Amino acid sequence: MPVIGHPRGLARGFMRFRTFCRVLALVPLTFGLAPVGPVLGAEMGVRHRIDVMVSAEPDAPVLSRLKGARGELSFTVRLSANSKESRFFGMLRPSFPDIIVPDGPGKPLVQQTKLWEEDVCHQRRGLPKVTVTQLGGHFAEGEGRIGISAINRHIGVLVPPDELTPGIKLDQGSDSFGLFYAFRAQSRNSRLNVDLKIYPIDCFL
C-alpha cells in the first residue's frame, strides 16, 4: 500500500484528480448542448401584432374648444394578412366610448391599444395590408358639440368635407413590444390621427 508522500502514491492521486475534473467539465457541456439541436434545426417565421393609438393635432378643434370634454370615437380598418399558414381578410371596427379630451397637445385621445394579433407562426410574406377607411364619433353635447365623420376619397364621388387620408408612413421605431412599422390616417378638418403600429414578432415554424 503506497504511503502518502511516496512518488507512486502522488502520481496515482494526480491521475484520479485529473479524471474527476474531466467528468465535471463534461457535465455542464452535455446539459448546455441538449436543447440546442431542435432550435438550430427549426425554421424562423413571423407573426404580426397591430396596435392603434388616436391623437389630435395641436390645431384640432377639439383641443382648442373642448378641453376636458367627454366623447367617443369608432373607426373601420380594412385588414389583409395572407400567408401559406394563415389567412385573414376583413374589417375591424374598434370603438372607444369614454374618451376625455386632454388639456393640451402631445397627449393621446386613445392610449395605445392592441387591435389585432396573429396566433399562428408563418413564413415571412411582408407586412399585413392595413387601411383606416372611416373615422366617426363626437365630443361634448349641446351647442358646443363637435361631430366627427371622416372617410376616404373614392373615385367618382365628391371629395368628403372631412377627408380621411390613410397610409401616411411614419418613422420605424421600437418600444417595449419590439420593432414596429407605423402608418397614420389623418382627417383633414377635424385634425385627428389614427396611428397603426405593426410589430413583426419572430417565432419558430
N, C-alpha and C. Protein backbone atom coordinates (compact mmCIF):
# COMPACT_ATOMS: atom_id res chain seq x y z
N MET A 1 0.87 -1.20 0.00
CA MET A 1 0.00 0.00 0.00
C MET A 1 0.90 1.24 0.00
N PRO A 2 0.66 2.14 -0.97
CA PRO A 2 1.52 3.32 -1.05
C PRO A 2 1.34 4.21 0.16
N VAL A 3 2.44 4.82 0.54
CA VAL A 3 2.44 5.75 1.67
C VAL A 3 2.25 7.15 1.14
N ILE A 4 1.45 7.95 1.87
CA ILE A 4 1.23 9.33 1.45
C ILE A 4 2.55 10.06 1.39
N GLY A 5 2.79 10.70 0.31
CA GLY A 5 4.05 11.39 0.12
C GLY A 5 4.98 10.60 -0.77
N HIS A 6 4.71 9.26 -0.97
CA HIS A 6 5.53 8.45 -1.87
C HIS A 6 5.25 8.87 -3.31
N PRO A 7 6.27 8.90 -4.18
CA PRO A 7 6.07 9.35 -5.58
C PRO A 7 4.99 8.57 -6.31
N ARG A 8 4.92 7.20 -6.09
CA ARG A 8 3.90 6.42 -6.80
C ARG A 8 2.50 6.80 -6.32
N GLY A 9 2.32 7.02 -5.03
CA GLY A 9 1.02 7.41 -4.50
C GLY A 9 0.59 8.78 -4.99
N LEU A 10 1.52 9.69 -5.08
CA LEU A 10 1.20 11.02 -5.59
C LEU A 10 0.78 10.97 -7.05
N ALA A 11 1.45 10.12 -7.82
CA ALA A 11 1.12 10.01 -9.25
C ALA A 11 -0.28 9.47 -9.44
N ARG A 12 -0.63 8.41 -8.67
CA ARG A 12 -1.98 7.85 -8.80
C ARG A 12 -3.05 8.86 -8.36
N GLY A 13 -2.76 9.58 -7.29
CA GLY A 13 -3.71 10.60 -6.83
C GLY A 13 -3.93 11.68 -7.86
N PHE A 14 -2.87 12.08 -8.53
CA PHE A 14 -2.98 13.12 -9.57
C PHE A 14 -3.81 12.62 -10.75
N MET A 15 -3.62 11.33 -11.16
CA MET A 15 -4.38 10.78 -12.28
C MET A 15 -5.87 10.73 -11.95
N ARG A 16 -6.20 10.31 -10.71
CA ARG A 16 -7.61 10.27 -10.33
C ARG A 16 -8.22 11.67 -10.30
N PHE A 17 -7.47 12.63 -9.81
CA PHE A 17 -7.97 14.01 -9.76
C PHE A 17 -8.21 14.56 -11.16
N ARG A 18 -7.29 14.25 -12.11
CA ARG A 18 -7.45 14.75 -13.48
C ARG A 18 -8.67 14.12 -14.16
N THR A 19 -8.90 12.83 -13.92
CA THR A 19 -10.08 12.15 -14.49
C THR A 19 -11.37 12.75 -13.93
N PHE A 20 -11.38 13.00 -12.62
CA PHE A 20 -12.56 13.59 -11.99
C PHE A 20 -12.86 14.97 -12.56
N CYS A 21 -11.84 15.77 -12.81
CA CYS A 21 -12.03 17.11 -13.38
C CYS A 21 -12.60 17.04 -14.79
N ARG A 22 -12.14 16.04 -15.56
CA ARG A 22 -12.68 15.89 -16.91
C ARG A 22 -14.18 15.58 -16.89
N VAL A 23 -14.58 14.71 -15.96
CA VAL A 23 -16.01 14.36 -15.83
C VAL A 23 -16.82 15.59 -15.46
N LEU A 24 -16.32 16.40 -14.51
CA LEU A 24 -17.03 17.61 -14.12
C LEU A 24 -17.16 18.57 -15.29
N ALA A 25 -16.13 18.66 -16.12
CA ALA A 25 -16.16 19.57 -17.26
C ALA A 25 -17.18 19.14 -18.29
N LEU A 26 -17.41 17.83 -18.44
CA LEU A 26 -18.36 17.33 -19.44
C LEU A 26 -19.81 17.48 -19.01
N VAL A 27 -20.06 17.52 -17.68
CA VAL A 27 -21.44 17.59 -17.21
C VAL A 27 -22.15 18.84 -17.67
N PRO A 28 -21.63 20.08 -17.41
CA PRO A 28 -22.34 21.26 -17.88
C PRO A 28 -22.38 21.36 -19.40
N LEU A 29 -21.34 20.84 -20.07
CA LEU A 29 -21.33 20.89 -21.53
C LEU A 29 -22.45 20.06 -22.11
N THR A 30 -22.66 18.86 -21.52
CA THR A 30 -23.72 17.98 -22.00
C THR A 30 -25.10 18.60 -21.79
N PHE A 31 -25.34 19.14 -20.58
CA PHE A 31 -26.64 19.74 -20.29
C PHE A 31 -26.85 21.01 -21.10
N GLY A 32 -25.77 21.77 -21.35
CA GLY A 32 -25.89 23.02 -22.08
C GLY A 32 -26.21 22.81 -23.55
N LEU A 33 -25.71 21.71 -24.14
CA LEU A 33 -25.94 21.48 -25.56
C LEU A 33 -27.22 20.74 -25.85
N ALA A 34 -27.85 20.16 -24.83
CA ALA A 34 -29.02 19.31 -25.07
C ALA A 34 -30.14 20.01 -25.82
N PRO A 35 -30.57 21.25 -25.45
CA PRO A 35 -31.70 21.85 -26.13
C PRO A 35 -31.36 22.55 -27.43
N VAL A 36 -30.06 22.62 -27.78
CA VAL A 36 -29.69 23.43 -28.94
C VAL A 36 -30.06 22.77 -30.24
N GLY A 37 -30.03 21.41 -30.30
CA GLY A 37 -30.28 20.70 -31.55
C GLY A 37 -31.57 21.09 -32.24
N PRO A 38 -32.76 20.96 -31.56
CA PRO A 38 -34.02 21.31 -32.20
C PRO A 38 -34.11 22.78 -32.59
N VAL A 39 -33.54 23.69 -31.76
CA VAL A 39 -33.63 25.12 -32.06
C VAL A 39 -32.86 25.46 -33.31
N LEU A 40 -31.63 24.90 -33.42
CA LEU A 40 -30.82 25.20 -34.59
C LEU A 40 -31.44 24.64 -35.85
N GLY A 41 -32.18 23.53 -35.74
CA GLY A 41 -32.77 22.92 -36.92
C GLY A 41 -34.11 23.53 -37.31
N ALA A 42 -34.70 24.36 -36.45
CA ALA A 42 -36.01 24.94 -36.73
C ALA A 42 -35.90 26.12 -37.69
N GLU A 43 -36.98 26.35 -38.42
CA GLU A 43 -37.02 27.47 -39.38
C GLU A 43 -37.69 28.67 -38.72
N MET A 44 -37.09 29.84 -38.90
CA MET A 44 -37.64 31.05 -38.31
C MET A 44 -38.82 31.56 -39.14
N GLY A 45 -39.86 31.93 -38.45
CA GLY A 45 -41.01 32.53 -39.10
C GLY A 45 -41.37 33.84 -38.41
N VAL A 46 -42.61 34.29 -38.61
CA VAL A 46 -43.05 35.56 -38.04
C VAL A 46 -44.55 35.52 -37.79
N ARG A 47 -45.00 36.26 -36.83
CA ARG A 47 -46.42 36.55 -36.66
C ARG A 47 -46.53 38.04 -36.34
N HIS A 48 -47.66 38.65 -36.64
CA HIS A 48 -47.78 40.10 -36.53
C HIS A 48 -48.79 40.51 -35.46
N ARG A 49 -48.49 41.64 -34.88
CA ARG A 49 -49.41 42.29 -33.93
C ARG A 49 -49.61 43.72 -34.41
N ILE A 50 -50.85 44.21 -34.32
CA ILE A 50 -51.16 45.58 -34.74
C ILE A 50 -51.78 46.32 -33.57
N ASP A 51 -51.18 47.45 -33.21
CA ASP A 51 -51.70 48.32 -32.15
C ASP A 51 -52.22 49.61 -32.77
N VAL A 52 -53.11 50.27 -32.06
CA VAL A 52 -53.67 51.54 -32.55
C VAL A 52 -53.59 52.60 -31.46
N MET A 53 -53.42 53.84 -31.88
CA MET A 53 -53.44 54.98 -30.96
C MET A 53 -54.08 56.15 -31.70
N VAL A 54 -54.88 56.94 -31.01
CA VAL A 54 -55.54 58.10 -31.62
C VAL A 54 -55.08 59.37 -30.91
N SER A 55 -54.72 60.37 -31.71
CA SER A 55 -54.27 61.64 -31.15
C SER A 55 -54.87 62.79 -31.96
N ALA A 56 -54.67 64.00 -31.48
CA ALA A 56 -55.17 65.20 -32.16
C ALA A 56 -54.00 66.12 -32.47
N GLU A 57 -54.05 66.75 -33.63
CA GLU A 57 -53.05 67.74 -33.99
C GLU A 57 -53.20 68.97 -33.07
N PRO A 58 -52.13 69.74 -32.88
CA PRO A 58 -52.21 70.92 -31.99
C PRO A 58 -53.31 71.91 -32.39
N ASP A 59 -53.63 71.97 -33.70
CA ASP A 59 -54.68 72.91 -34.16
C ASP A 59 -56.04 72.25 -34.29
N ALA A 60 -56.22 71.06 -33.72
CA ALA A 60 -57.51 70.37 -33.81
C ALA A 60 -58.58 71.13 -33.05
N PRO A 61 -59.80 71.25 -33.60
CA PRO A 61 -60.89 71.96 -32.92
C PRO A 61 -61.20 71.41 -31.52
N VAL A 62 -61.08 70.08 -31.35
CA VAL A 62 -61.42 69.52 -30.04
C VAL A 62 -60.45 69.99 -28.96
N LEU A 63 -59.19 70.26 -29.34
CA LEU A 63 -58.22 70.73 -28.36
C LEU A 63 -58.40 72.21 -28.03
N SER A 64 -58.78 72.99 -29.02
CA SER A 64 -58.91 74.43 -28.80
C SER A 64 -60.23 74.80 -28.13
N ARG A 65 -61.25 73.97 -28.27
CA ARG A 65 -62.58 74.35 -27.78
C ARG A 65 -63.16 73.44 -26.71
N LEU A 66 -62.66 72.19 -26.61
CA LEU A 66 -63.35 71.22 -25.75
C LEU A 66 -62.42 70.49 -24.78
N LYS A 67 -61.44 71.18 -24.23
CA LYS A 67 -60.55 70.53 -23.29
C LYS A 67 -61.33 70.02 -22.08
N GLY A 68 -61.10 68.75 -21.76
CA GLY A 68 -61.79 68.14 -20.62
C GLY A 68 -63.15 67.57 -20.95
N ALA A 69 -63.64 67.79 -22.18
CA ALA A 69 -64.95 67.26 -22.56
C ALA A 69 -64.87 65.76 -22.82
N ARG A 70 -66.02 65.12 -22.71
CA ARG A 70 -66.08 63.68 -22.99
C ARG A 70 -66.58 63.44 -24.40
N GLY A 71 -66.16 62.29 -24.95
CA GLY A 71 -66.59 61.95 -26.29
C GLY A 71 -66.36 60.48 -26.58
N GLU A 72 -66.60 60.12 -27.82
CA GLU A 72 -66.41 58.74 -28.25
C GLU A 72 -65.96 58.71 -29.70
N LEU A 73 -65.22 57.69 -30.06
CA LEU A 73 -64.72 57.51 -31.42
C LEU A 73 -64.84 56.05 -31.82
N SER A 74 -65.08 55.83 -33.09
CA SER A 74 -65.02 54.48 -33.65
C SER A 74 -64.48 54.61 -35.07
N PHE A 75 -63.87 53.57 -35.56
CA PHE A 75 -63.35 53.62 -36.92
C PHE A 75 -63.35 52.22 -37.52
N THR A 76 -63.15 52.18 -38.83
CA THR A 76 -63.13 50.93 -39.57
C THR A 76 -61.76 50.73 -40.18
N VAL A 77 -61.23 49.54 -40.02
CA VAL A 77 -59.91 49.20 -40.55
C VAL A 77 -60.04 47.99 -41.46
N ARG A 78 -59.61 48.14 -42.70
CA ARG A 78 -59.59 47.01 -43.63
C ARG A 78 -58.23 46.32 -43.52
N LEU A 79 -58.26 45.00 -43.24
CA LEU A 79 -57.02 44.27 -42.98
C LEU A 79 -56.92 43.05 -43.88
N SER A 80 -55.76 42.90 -44.51
CA SER A 80 -55.47 41.72 -45.32
C SER A 80 -54.11 41.18 -44.88
N ALA A 81 -54.13 39.97 -44.32
CA ALA A 81 -52.89 39.34 -43.85
C ALA A 81 -52.93 37.88 -44.30
N ASN A 82 -52.29 37.60 -45.42
CA ASN A 82 -52.36 36.27 -46.01
C ASN A 82 -50.98 35.63 -46.11
N SER A 83 -50.91 34.38 -45.73
CA SER A 83 -49.70 33.58 -45.87
C SER A 83 -50.13 32.13 -46.10
N LYS A 84 -49.16 31.26 -46.32
CA LYS A 84 -49.47 29.85 -46.54
C LYS A 84 -50.13 29.23 -45.32
N GLU A 85 -49.68 29.62 -44.14
CA GLU A 85 -50.16 29.01 -42.90
C GLU A 85 -51.36 29.74 -42.29
N SER A 86 -51.55 30.99 -42.66
CA SER A 86 -52.60 31.79 -42.01
C SER A 86 -53.18 32.78 -43.00
N ARG A 87 -54.50 32.86 -43.07
CA ARG A 87 -55.16 33.80 -43.99
C ARG A 87 -56.23 34.59 -43.23
N PHE A 88 -56.20 35.91 -43.40
CA PHE A 88 -57.22 36.75 -42.79
C PHE A 88 -57.51 37.92 -43.72
N PHE A 89 -58.78 38.16 -43.98
CA PHE A 89 -59.21 39.36 -44.69
C PHE A 89 -60.54 39.78 -44.09
N GLY A 90 -60.63 41.04 -43.71
CA GLY A 90 -61.89 41.50 -43.14
C GLY A 90 -61.79 42.93 -42.65
N MET A 91 -62.87 43.37 -42.01
CA MET A 91 -62.97 44.72 -41.49
C MET A 91 -62.98 44.66 -39.96
N LEU A 92 -62.11 45.43 -39.35
CA LEU A 92 -62.08 45.57 -37.90
C LEU A 92 -62.78 46.87 -37.54
N ARG A 93 -63.59 46.84 -36.51
CA ARG A 93 -64.37 48.04 -36.13
C ARG A 93 -64.24 48.32 -34.64
N PRO A 94 -63.09 48.78 -34.21
CA PRO A 94 -62.91 49.12 -32.79
C PRO A 94 -63.66 50.39 -32.42
N SER A 95 -64.07 50.49 -31.19
CA SER A 95 -64.76 51.68 -30.69
C SER A 95 -64.24 52.02 -29.30
N PHE A 96 -64.25 53.30 -29.01
CA PHE A 96 -63.76 53.81 -27.72
C PHE A 96 -64.81 54.78 -27.19
N PRO A 97 -65.67 54.30 -26.28
CA PRO A 97 -66.86 55.07 -25.88
C PRO A 97 -66.66 56.12 -24.81
N ASP A 98 -65.54 56.14 -24.13
CA ASP A 98 -65.39 57.05 -23.00
C ASP A 98 -64.04 57.76 -23.08
N ILE A 99 -63.95 58.75 -23.96
CA ILE A 99 -62.72 59.50 -24.18
C ILE A 99 -62.83 60.86 -23.51
N ILE A 100 -61.76 61.30 -22.88
CA ILE A 100 -61.68 62.65 -22.31
C ILE A 100 -60.64 63.45 -23.09
N VAL A 101 -61.05 64.60 -23.60
CA VAL A 101 -60.13 65.44 -24.37
C VAL A 101 -59.03 65.95 -23.46
N PRO A 102 -57.76 65.70 -23.82
CA PRO A 102 -56.65 66.14 -22.97
C PRO A 102 -56.54 67.66 -22.90
N ASP A 103 -55.79 68.17 -21.94
CA ASP A 103 -55.69 69.61 -21.73
C ASP A 103 -54.61 70.26 -22.61
N GLY A 104 -54.03 69.51 -23.52
CA GLY A 104 -53.03 70.09 -24.40
C GLY A 104 -52.53 69.08 -25.41
N PRO A 105 -51.80 69.53 -26.43
CA PRO A 105 -51.26 68.62 -27.43
C PRO A 105 -50.18 67.71 -26.84
N GLY A 106 -49.92 66.62 -27.54
CA GLY A 106 -48.91 65.68 -27.08
C GLY A 106 -49.46 64.55 -26.22
N LYS A 107 -50.73 64.66 -25.81
CA LYS A 107 -51.37 63.60 -25.03
C LYS A 107 -52.43 62.93 -25.90
N PRO A 108 -52.43 61.60 -25.99
CA PRO A 108 -53.37 60.93 -26.90
C PRO A 108 -54.82 60.97 -26.42
N LEU A 109 -55.72 60.92 -27.38
CA LEU A 109 -57.13 60.74 -27.06
C LEU A 109 -57.40 59.29 -26.66
N VAL A 110 -56.73 58.37 -27.37
CA VAL A 110 -56.84 56.94 -27.08
C VAL A 110 -55.44 56.39 -26.90
N GLN A 111 -55.17 55.83 -25.73
CA GLN A 111 -53.86 55.24 -25.47
C GLN A 111 -53.62 54.05 -26.40
N GLN A 112 -52.35 53.71 -26.58
CA GLN A 112 -52.02 52.58 -27.45
C GLN A 112 -52.73 51.33 -26.97
N THR A 113 -53.43 50.68 -27.91
CA THR A 113 -54.27 49.52 -27.61
C THR A 113 -54.06 48.46 -28.68
N LYS A 114 -54.03 47.20 -28.27
CA LYS A 114 -53.90 46.12 -29.25
C LYS A 114 -55.17 46.02 -30.08
N LEU A 115 -54.99 46.02 -31.40
CA LEU A 115 -56.11 45.94 -32.32
C LEU A 115 -56.30 44.53 -32.85
N TRP A 116 -55.19 43.84 -33.15
CA TRP A 116 -55.26 42.52 -33.78
C TRP A 116 -53.92 41.83 -33.61
N GLU A 117 -53.94 40.50 -33.46
CA GLU A 117 -52.69 39.75 -33.34
C GLU A 117 -52.87 38.35 -33.90
N GLU A 118 -51.90 37.89 -34.65
CA GLU A 118 -51.92 36.53 -35.18
C GLU A 118 -51.52 35.55 -34.10
N ASP A 119 -52.15 34.37 -34.10
CA ASP A 119 -51.76 33.33 -33.16
C ASP A 119 -51.06 32.18 -33.87
N VAL A 120 -50.79 32.35 -35.18
CA VAL A 120 -50.12 31.32 -35.97
C VAL A 120 -48.80 31.88 -36.50
N CYS A 121 -47.73 31.13 -36.30
CA CYS A 121 -46.43 31.50 -36.86
C CYS A 121 -46.39 31.07 -38.32
N HIS A 122 -45.93 31.95 -39.20
CA HIS A 122 -45.95 31.64 -40.63
C HIS A 122 -44.70 32.17 -41.32
N GLN A 123 -44.54 31.81 -42.58
CA GLN A 123 -43.41 32.29 -43.36
C GLN A 123 -43.51 33.80 -43.56
N ARG A 124 -42.37 34.41 -43.80
CA ARG A 124 -42.33 35.86 -43.98
C ARG A 124 -42.85 36.22 -45.37
N ARG A 125 -43.98 36.94 -45.42
CA ARG A 125 -44.60 37.34 -46.67
C ARG A 125 -44.79 38.85 -46.76
N GLY A 126 -44.00 39.59 -46.01
CA GLY A 126 -44.19 41.04 -45.97
C GLY A 126 -45.19 41.42 -44.89
N LEU A 127 -45.42 42.72 -44.75
CA LEU A 127 -46.33 43.22 -43.71
C LEU A 127 -47.78 43.06 -44.13
N PRO A 128 -48.69 42.92 -43.17
CA PRO A 128 -50.12 42.93 -43.49
C PRO A 128 -50.50 44.26 -44.14
N LYS A 129 -51.50 44.23 -45.02
CA LYS A 129 -52.01 45.45 -45.64
C LYS A 129 -53.17 45.95 -44.79
N VAL A 130 -53.00 47.13 -44.23
CA VAL A 130 -53.99 47.66 -43.29
C VAL A 130 -54.32 49.10 -43.64
N THR A 131 -55.62 49.43 -43.72
CA THR A 131 -56.07 50.76 -44.14
C THR A 131 -57.24 51.21 -43.27
N VAL A 132 -57.13 52.40 -42.71
CA VAL A 132 -58.26 53.00 -41.98
C VAL A 132 -59.16 53.65 -43.01
N THR A 133 -60.42 53.22 -43.09
CA THR A 133 -61.33 53.71 -44.13
C THR A 133 -62.37 54.70 -43.62
N GLN A 134 -62.68 54.67 -42.33
CA GLN A 134 -63.68 55.58 -41.76
C GLN A 134 -63.31 55.94 -40.34
N LEU A 135 -63.67 57.14 -39.95
CA LEU A 135 -63.48 57.60 -38.57
C LEU A 135 -64.69 58.42 -38.18
N GLY A 136 -65.36 58.04 -37.11
CA GLY A 136 -66.56 58.75 -36.69
C GLY A 136 -66.63 58.89 -35.18
N GLY A 137 -67.53 59.78 -34.73
CA GLY A 137 -67.73 59.97 -33.30
C GLY A 137 -68.18 61.38 -33.00
N HIS A 138 -68.10 61.76 -31.74
CA HIS A 138 -68.47 63.13 -31.35
C HIS A 138 -67.82 63.46 -30.00
N PHE A 139 -67.79 64.75 -29.70
CA PHE A 139 -67.28 65.24 -28.42
C PHE A 139 -68.22 66.31 -27.89
N ALA A 140 -68.48 66.24 -26.59
CA ALA A 140 -69.37 67.19 -25.89
C ALA A 140 -70.81 67.04 -26.36
N GLU A 141 -71.70 67.81 -25.74
CA GLU A 141 -73.13 67.80 -26.08
C GLU A 141 -73.63 69.23 -26.21
N GLY A 142 -74.84 69.37 -26.72
CA GLY A 142 -75.46 70.69 -26.85
C GLY A 142 -74.85 71.52 -27.97
N GLU A 143 -74.83 72.84 -27.76
CA GLU A 143 -74.38 73.75 -28.80
C GLU A 143 -72.89 73.59 -29.12
N GLY A 144 -72.11 73.19 -28.15
CA GLY A 144 -70.68 73.05 -28.39
C GLY A 144 -70.25 71.70 -28.95
N ARG A 145 -71.22 70.87 -29.25
CA ARG A 145 -70.92 69.52 -29.72
C ARG A 145 -70.15 69.54 -31.04
N ILE A 146 -69.11 68.71 -31.13
CA ILE A 146 -68.35 68.55 -32.36
C ILE A 146 -68.51 67.11 -32.84
N GLY A 147 -69.07 66.96 -34.05
CA GLY A 147 -69.24 65.64 -34.64
C GLY A 147 -68.07 65.31 -35.55
N ILE A 148 -67.69 64.06 -35.60
CA ILE A 148 -66.59 63.59 -36.44
C ILE A 148 -67.15 62.60 -37.45
N SER A 149 -66.92 62.85 -38.73
CA SER A 149 -67.34 61.93 -39.79
C SER A 149 -66.35 62.06 -40.94
N ALA A 150 -65.27 61.31 -40.86
CA ALA A 150 -64.22 61.37 -41.87
C ALA A 150 -64.15 60.05 -42.63
N ILE A 151 -64.06 60.14 -43.96
CA ILE A 151 -63.98 58.94 -44.80
C ILE A 151 -62.93 59.15 -45.89
N ASN A 152 -62.53 58.03 -46.51
CA ASN A 152 -61.59 58.09 -47.61
C ASN A 152 -62.21 58.70 -48.85
N ARG A 153 -61.37 59.21 -49.73
CA ARG A 153 -61.82 59.67 -51.04
C ARG A 153 -62.04 58.46 -51.94
N HIS A 154 -63.13 58.50 -52.75
CA HIS A 154 -63.44 57.43 -53.69
C HIS A 154 -63.59 57.98 -55.10
N ILE A 155 -63.14 57.21 -56.07
CA ILE A 155 -63.24 57.62 -57.46
C ILE A 155 -64.70 57.80 -57.86
N GLY A 156 -65.01 58.90 -58.53
CA GLY A 156 -66.36 59.17 -58.99
C GLY A 156 -67.28 59.78 -57.95
N VAL A 157 -66.75 60.05 -56.77
CA VAL A 157 -67.55 60.64 -55.68
C VAL A 157 -66.88 61.92 -55.24
N LEU A 158 -67.71 62.92 -54.88
CA LEU A 158 -67.16 64.18 -54.42
C LEU A 158 -66.23 63.98 -53.21
N VAL A 159 -65.20 64.80 -53.15
CA VAL A 159 -64.27 64.72 -52.02
C VAL A 159 -65.04 65.02 -50.74
N PRO A 160 -64.96 64.15 -49.74
CA PRO A 160 -65.72 64.40 -48.50
C PRO A 160 -65.21 65.64 -47.78
N PRO A 161 -66.09 66.35 -47.08
CA PRO A 161 -65.67 67.57 -46.37
C PRO A 161 -64.54 67.31 -45.37
N ASP A 162 -64.63 66.21 -44.64
CA ASP A 162 -63.57 65.86 -43.70
C ASP A 162 -62.86 64.62 -44.24
N GLU A 163 -62.03 64.83 -45.24
CA GLU A 163 -61.38 63.71 -45.92
C GLU A 163 -60.39 63.01 -45.00
N LEU A 164 -60.42 61.68 -45.05
CA LEU A 164 -59.50 60.86 -44.27
C LEU A 164 -58.41 60.34 -45.20
N THR A 165 -57.18 60.74 -44.94
CA THR A 165 -56.05 60.32 -45.77
C THR A 165 -55.30 59.19 -45.05
N PRO A 166 -55.38 57.96 -45.57
CA PRO A 166 -54.71 56.83 -44.91
C PRO A 166 -53.31 56.60 -45.49
N GLY A 167 -52.58 55.69 -44.87
CA GLY A 167 -51.32 55.22 -45.43
C GLY A 167 -50.17 56.19 -45.35
N ILE A 168 -50.22 57.17 -44.44
CA ILE A 168 -49.09 58.08 -44.26
C ILE A 168 -48.01 57.34 -43.47
N LYS A 169 -46.86 57.13 -44.10
CA LYS A 169 -45.82 56.34 -43.46
C LYS A 169 -45.07 57.17 -42.42
N LEU A 170 -44.93 56.60 -41.23
CA LEU A 170 -44.17 57.24 -40.15
C LEU A 170 -42.83 56.53 -39.98
N ASP A 171 -41.98 57.10 -39.16
CA ASP A 171 -40.66 56.52 -38.95
C ASP A 171 -40.77 55.17 -38.25
N GLN A 172 -39.91 54.26 -38.67
CA GLN A 172 -39.78 52.98 -37.99
C GLN A 172 -39.19 53.20 -36.60
N GLY A 173 -39.61 52.38 -35.65
CA GLY A 173 -39.11 52.56 -34.29
C GLY A 173 -39.14 51.27 -33.50
N SER A 174 -38.94 51.36 -32.21
CA SER A 174 -39.02 50.21 -31.32
C SER A 174 -39.46 50.69 -29.94
N ASP A 175 -40.14 49.82 -29.22
CA ASP A 175 -40.57 50.12 -27.86
C ASP A 175 -40.53 48.83 -27.04
N SER A 176 -41.27 48.79 -25.96
CA SER A 176 -41.22 47.62 -25.08
C SER A 176 -41.73 46.35 -25.75
N PHE A 177 -42.52 46.49 -26.82
CA PHE A 177 -43.03 45.32 -27.54
C PHE A 177 -42.08 44.87 -28.65
N GLY A 178 -41.12 45.71 -29.01
CA GLY A 178 -40.17 45.35 -30.05
C GLY A 178 -40.18 46.33 -31.21
N LEU A 179 -39.59 45.91 -32.32
CA LEU A 179 -39.53 46.71 -33.54
C LEU A 179 -40.93 46.89 -34.12
N PHE A 180 -41.22 48.10 -34.65
CA PHE A 180 -42.53 48.31 -35.28
C PHE A 180 -42.40 49.19 -36.51
N TYR A 181 -43.38 49.03 -37.41
CA TYR A 181 -43.56 49.91 -38.57
C TYR A 181 -44.87 50.66 -38.35
N ALA A 182 -44.88 51.97 -38.58
CA ALA A 182 -46.03 52.79 -38.22
C ALA A 182 -46.62 53.48 -39.44
N PHE A 183 -47.96 53.56 -39.46
CA PHE A 183 -48.69 54.24 -40.52
C PHE A 183 -49.80 55.07 -39.90
N ARG A 184 -50.11 56.19 -40.54
CA ARG A 184 -51.09 57.13 -39.98
C ARG A 184 -52.21 57.40 -40.97
N ALA A 185 -53.42 57.53 -40.44
CA ALA A 185 -54.55 58.08 -41.19
C ALA A 185 -54.93 59.39 -40.50
N GLN A 186 -55.07 60.45 -41.29
CA GLN A 186 -55.32 61.77 -40.72
C GLN A 186 -56.57 62.39 -41.36
N SER A 187 -57.44 62.95 -40.52
CA SER A 187 -58.64 63.63 -41.03
C SER A 187 -58.33 65.11 -41.27
N ARG A 188 -58.77 65.62 -42.41
CA ARG A 188 -58.35 66.96 -42.85
C ARG A 188 -58.91 68.08 -42.00
N ASN A 189 -60.22 68.07 -41.70
CA ASN A 189 -60.83 69.18 -40.96
C ASN A 189 -60.81 68.97 -39.44
N SER A 190 -61.14 67.76 -38.99
CA SER A 190 -61.15 67.52 -37.55
C SER A 190 -59.74 67.34 -37.00
N ARG A 191 -58.76 67.11 -37.87
CA ARG A 191 -57.33 67.08 -37.50
C ARG A 191 -57.03 66.02 -36.45
N LEU A 192 -57.60 64.82 -36.67
CA LEU A 192 -57.33 63.69 -35.80
C LEU A 192 -56.42 62.68 -36.51
N ASN A 193 -55.61 61.99 -35.73
CA ASN A 193 -54.68 60.99 -36.27
C ASN A 193 -55.00 59.61 -35.70
N VAL A 194 -55.11 58.64 -36.59
CA VAL A 194 -55.21 57.24 -36.17
C VAL A 194 -53.90 56.57 -36.58
N ASP A 195 -53.08 56.24 -35.61
CA ASP A 195 -51.78 55.63 -35.87
C ASP A 195 -51.83 54.13 -35.64
N LEU A 196 -51.32 53.38 -36.61
CA LEU A 196 -51.26 51.93 -36.53
C LEU A 196 -49.80 51.50 -36.44
N LYS A 197 -49.48 50.67 -35.46
CA LYS A 197 -48.14 50.12 -35.31
C LYS A 197 -48.20 48.62 -35.63
N ILE A 198 -47.36 48.19 -36.56
CA ILE A 198 -47.30 46.78 -36.94
C ILE A 198 -46.00 46.19 -36.39
N TYR A 199 -46.14 45.19 -35.52
CA TYR A 199 -44.98 44.54 -34.90
C TYR A 199 -44.75 43.18 -35.56
N PRO A 200 -43.59 42.95 -36.20
CA PRO A 200 -43.23 41.60 -36.64
C PRO A 200 -42.54 40.85 -35.52
N ILE A 201 -43.15 39.78 -35.05
CA ILE A 201 -42.64 39.03 -33.90
C ILE A 201 -42.01 37.73 -34.40
N ASP A 202 -40.72 37.53 -34.13
CA ASP A 202 -40.03 36.31 -34.55
C ASP A 202 -40.60 35.10 -33.82
N CYS A 203 -40.67 33.97 -34.53
CA CYS A 203 -41.17 32.73 -33.95
C CYS A 203 -40.62 31.55 -34.76
N PHE A 204 -40.80 30.34 -34.25
CA PHE A 204 -40.33 29.14 -34.93
C PHE A 204 -41.50 28.42 -35.59
N LEU A 205 -41.32 28.07 -36.85
CA LEU A 205 -42.36 27.36 -37.58
C LEU A 205 -42.49 25.91 -37.07
